[in-house]
Amino acid sequence: MRRRQAVKRQILADPKYNSKIVAKFINIIMIKGKKSLAENIVYGAFDIIKQKSGEDDALKVFNKALENIRPRLEVKPRRVGGATYQVPIEVNQERGVSLALRWLKDFSRGKKGKPMMDRLADEILAGYKGEGAAIKKRDDTHKMAEANKAFAHFRW
């Protein structure tokens, strides 16, 4: 470490579901500071999830989807003696959740032809069922870590 660790900001829970993860997700979805628009998108997606999944609690579906999408392992490049190795490391809970949220956002934005809340709801439901682009990304990340298991001893 070269400098001090950045101080973690405490983020307030969102007003509707009283969940910090939903508030974090709203902040990730937000573009150019338009928070009310991001809230409308996320809450709209949760309403669609309620209708499509048959569950009365969209938050439960969202948390299960996040748990399915969250990566357990990832690779980090390490330089050892002039060569760069992809070293598999375990992902801590916080980073795993933020990666999962980012992947949900990216793959929802990547689809075209439907409103954002529909695309987001579809991606969350796919994650809940254990399918979709975000799940494929997690599997690819795990495969890469598995393939580079031989370099695990370079972890420090």
Protein backbone atom coordinates (compact mmCIF):
# COMPACT_ATOMS: atom_id res chain seq x y z
CA MET A 1 0.00 0.00 0.00
CA ARG A 2 1.39 3.35 -0.97
CA ARG A 3 -1.13 5.66 0.63
CA ARG A 4 -3.98 5.64 3.11
CA GLN A 5 -7.01 3.48 2.44
CA ALA A 6 -10.00 5.43 1.07
CA VAL A 7 -12.71 5.95 3.65
CA LYS A 8 -15.87 3.90 2.93
CA ARG A 9 -18.89 6.15 2.56
CA GLN A 10 -22.03 5.09 4.38
CA ILE A 11 -24.90 4.93 1.90
CA LEU A 12 -28.46 5.51 3.06
CA ALA A 13 -31.03 2.76 2.51
CA ASP A 14 -33.60 3.49 -0.21
CA PRO A 15 -36.98 4.81 0.96
CA LYS A 16 -39.28 2.19 -0.62
CA TYR A 17 -37.62 -1.13 0.26
CA ASN A 18 -35.36 0.13 3.07
CA SER A 19 -32.43 -1.75 1.54
CA LYS A 20 -28.86 -0.51 1.09
CA ILE A 21 -28.24 -2.84 -1.85
CA VAL A 22 -31.24 -1.41 -3.75
CA ALA A 23 -29.96 2.13 -3.00
CA LYS A 24 -26.52 1.14 -4.31
CA PHE A 25 -28.14 -0.35 -7.43
CA ILE A 26 -30.10 2.86 -8.04
CA ASN A 27 -26.82 4.80 -7.84
CA ILE A 28 -25.20 2.40 -10.33
CA ILE A 29 -28.11 2.73 -12.78
CA MET A 30 -28.09 6.53 -12.50
CA ILE A 31 -26.68 8.55 -15.41
CA LYS A 32 -25.65 12.22 -15.19
CA GLY A 33 -27.05 12.64 -11.66
CA LYS A 34 -30.66 11.87 -12.64
CA LYS A 35 -31.51 9.90 -9.53
CA SER A 36 -35.31 10.15 -9.76
CA LEU A 37 -35.16 8.62 -13.25
CA ALA A 38 -32.92 5.80 -11.96
CA GLU A 39 -35.36 5.20 -9.07
CA ASN A 40 -38.28 5.01 -11.51
CA ILE A 41 -36.38 2.47 -13.63
CA VAL A 42 -35.43 0.24 -10.69
CA TYR A 43 -38.81 0.41 -8.95
CA GLY A 44 -40.58 -0.14 -12.29
CA ALA A 45 -38.40 -3.18 -12.90
CA PHE A 46 -39.30 -4.50 -9.41
CA ASP A 47 -43.03 -4.07 -10.22
CA ILE A 48 -42.54 -6.04 -13.46
CA ILE A 49 -40.68 -8.75 -11.49
CA LYS A 50 -43.63 -8.98 -9.07
CA GLN A 51 -46.00 -9.56 -11.99
CA LYS A 52 -43.82 -12.00 -13.95
CA SER A 53 -42.40 -14.13 -11.13
CA GLY A 54 -45.58 -14.53 -9.11
CA GLU A 55 -43.58 -13.69 -5.97
CA ASP A 56 -45.14 -11.02 -3.79
CA ASP A 57 -41.69 -9.78 -2.70
CA ALA A 58 -39.54 -8.49 -5.58
CA LEU A 59 -36.69 -7.80 -3.15
CA LYS A 60 -36.38 -11.52 -2.41
CA VAL A 61 -36.11 -12.28 -6.16
CA PHE A 62 -33.52 -9.50 -6.56
CA ASN A 63 -31.38 -10.75 -3.65
CA LYS A 64 -31.52 -14.35 -4.93
CA ALA A 65 -30.53 -13.17 -8.43
CA LEU A 66 -27.60 -11.20 -6.94
CA GLU A 67 -26.50 -14.26 -4.96
CA ASN A 68 -26.58 -16.34 -8.17
CA ILE A 69 -24.67 -13.74 -10.21
CA ARG A 70 -22.04 -12.87 -7.58
CA PRO A 71 -18.62 -14.32 -8.53
CA ARG A 72 -16.71 -16.33 -5.89
CA LEU A 73 -13.34 -16.26 -7.73
CA GLU A 74 -11.65 -13.91 -10.16
CA VAL A 75 -8.19 -13.51 -11.67
CA LYS A 76 -5.78 -10.66 -11.00
CA PRO A 77 -2.66 -10.03 -13.06
CA ARG A 78 0.61 -10.34 -11.08
CA ARG A 79 4.05 -9.58 -12.46
CA VAL A 80 6.63 -12.10 -11.37
CA GLY A 81 10.13 -11.92 -12.85
CA GLY A 82 9.17 -10.21 -16.09
CA ALA A 83 6.15 -12.45 -16.77
CA THR A 84 2.55 -11.54 -15.99
CA TYR A 85 0.46 -14.33 -14.52
CA GLN A 86 -3.31 -14.38 -14.10
CA VAL A 87 -3.54 -15.35 -10.44
CA PRO A 88 -6.93 -16.61 -9.15
CA ILE A 89 -8.10 -14.92 -5.95
CA GLU A 90 -11.25 -15.17 -3.88
CA VAL A 91 -13.65 -12.25 -4.22
CA ASN A 92 -14.82 -10.67 -0.97
CA GLN A 93 -18.57 -10.23 -0.45
CA GLU A 94 -18.67 -6.48 -1.06
CA ARG A 95 -16.73 -6.59 -4.33
CA GLY A 96 -18.73 -9.60 -5.51
CA VAL A 97 -22.01 -7.76 -4.98
CA SER A 98 -20.78 -4.61 -6.71
CA LEU A 99 -19.54 -6.69 -9.69
CA ALA A 100 -22.92 -8.44 -9.88
CA LEU A 101 -24.77 -5.09 -9.83
CA ARG A 102 -22.47 -3.68 -12.51
CA TRP A 103 -22.95 -6.76 -14.73
CA LEU A 104 -26.73 -6.51 -14.34
CA LYS A 105 -26.59 -2.86 -15.44
CA ASP A 106 -24.21 -3.48 -18.35
CA PHE A 107 -26.11 -6.40 -19.85
CA SER A 108 -29.47 -4.64 -19.42
CA ARG A 109 -28.11 -1.57 -21.19
CA GLY A 110 -26.63 -3.75 -23.93
CA LYS A 111 -30.03 -5.09 -25.00
CA LYS A 112 -32.07 -2.89 -27.31
CA GLY A 113 -35.67 -2.50 -28.36
CA LYS A 114 -37.43 -2.38 -24.97
CA PRO A 115 -37.65 0.20 -22.19
CA MET A 116 -34.83 -0.02 -19.62
CA MET A 117 -37.11 -1.22 -16.81
CA ASP A 118 -38.26 -4.20 -18.95
CA ARG A 119 -34.69 -5.11 -19.88
CA LEU A 120 -33.59 -4.79 -16.25
CA ALA A 121 -36.48 -6.93 -15.01
CA ASP A 122 -35.69 -9.58 -17.66
CA GLU A 123 -32.01 -9.69 -16.65
CA ILE A 124 -32.85 -9.92 -12.92
CA LEU A 125 -35.37 -12.73 -13.56
CA ALA A 126 -32.81 -14.55 -15.73
CA GLY A 127 -30.29 -14.26 -12.88
CA TYR A 128 -32.91 -15.55 -10.45
CA LYS A 129 -33.43 -18.63 -12.65
CA GLY A 130 -29.68 -19.13 -13.08
CA GLU A 131 -29.47 -18.15 -16.73
CA GLY A 132 -28.79 -15.04 -18.81
CA ALA A 133 -25.77 -12.96 -19.76
CA ALA A 134 -24.73 -12.01 -16.21
CA ILE A 135 -24.66 -15.68 -15.15
CA LYS A 136 -22.59 -16.50 -18.26
CA LYS A 137 -20.14 -13.73 -17.29
CA ARG A 138 -19.83 -15.22 -13.78
CA ASP A 139 -19.23 -18.68 -15.24
CA ASP A 140 -16.56 -17.31 -17.60
CA THR A 141 -14.85 -15.59 -14.66
CA HIS A 142 -14.89 -18.84 -12.68
CA LYS A 143 -13.58 -20.83 -15.68
CA MET A 144 -10.69 -18.42 -16.09
CA ALA A 145 -9.83 -18.73 -12.38
CA GLU A 146 -10.06 -22.53 -12.64
CA ALA A 147 -7.82 -22.60 -15.72
CA ASN A 148 -5.15 -20.53 -13.94
CA LYS A 149 -5.23 -22.53 -10.71
CA ALA A 150 -1.60 -23.51 -11.31
CA PHE A 151 -0.55 -19.93 -10.54
CA ALA A 152 -2.41 -19.80 -7.21
CA HIS A 153 0.92 -19.97 -5.35
CA PHE A 154 1.74 -16.45 -6.62
CA ARG A 155 -1.01 -15.09 -4.37
CA TRP A 156 0.31 -12.78 -1.66
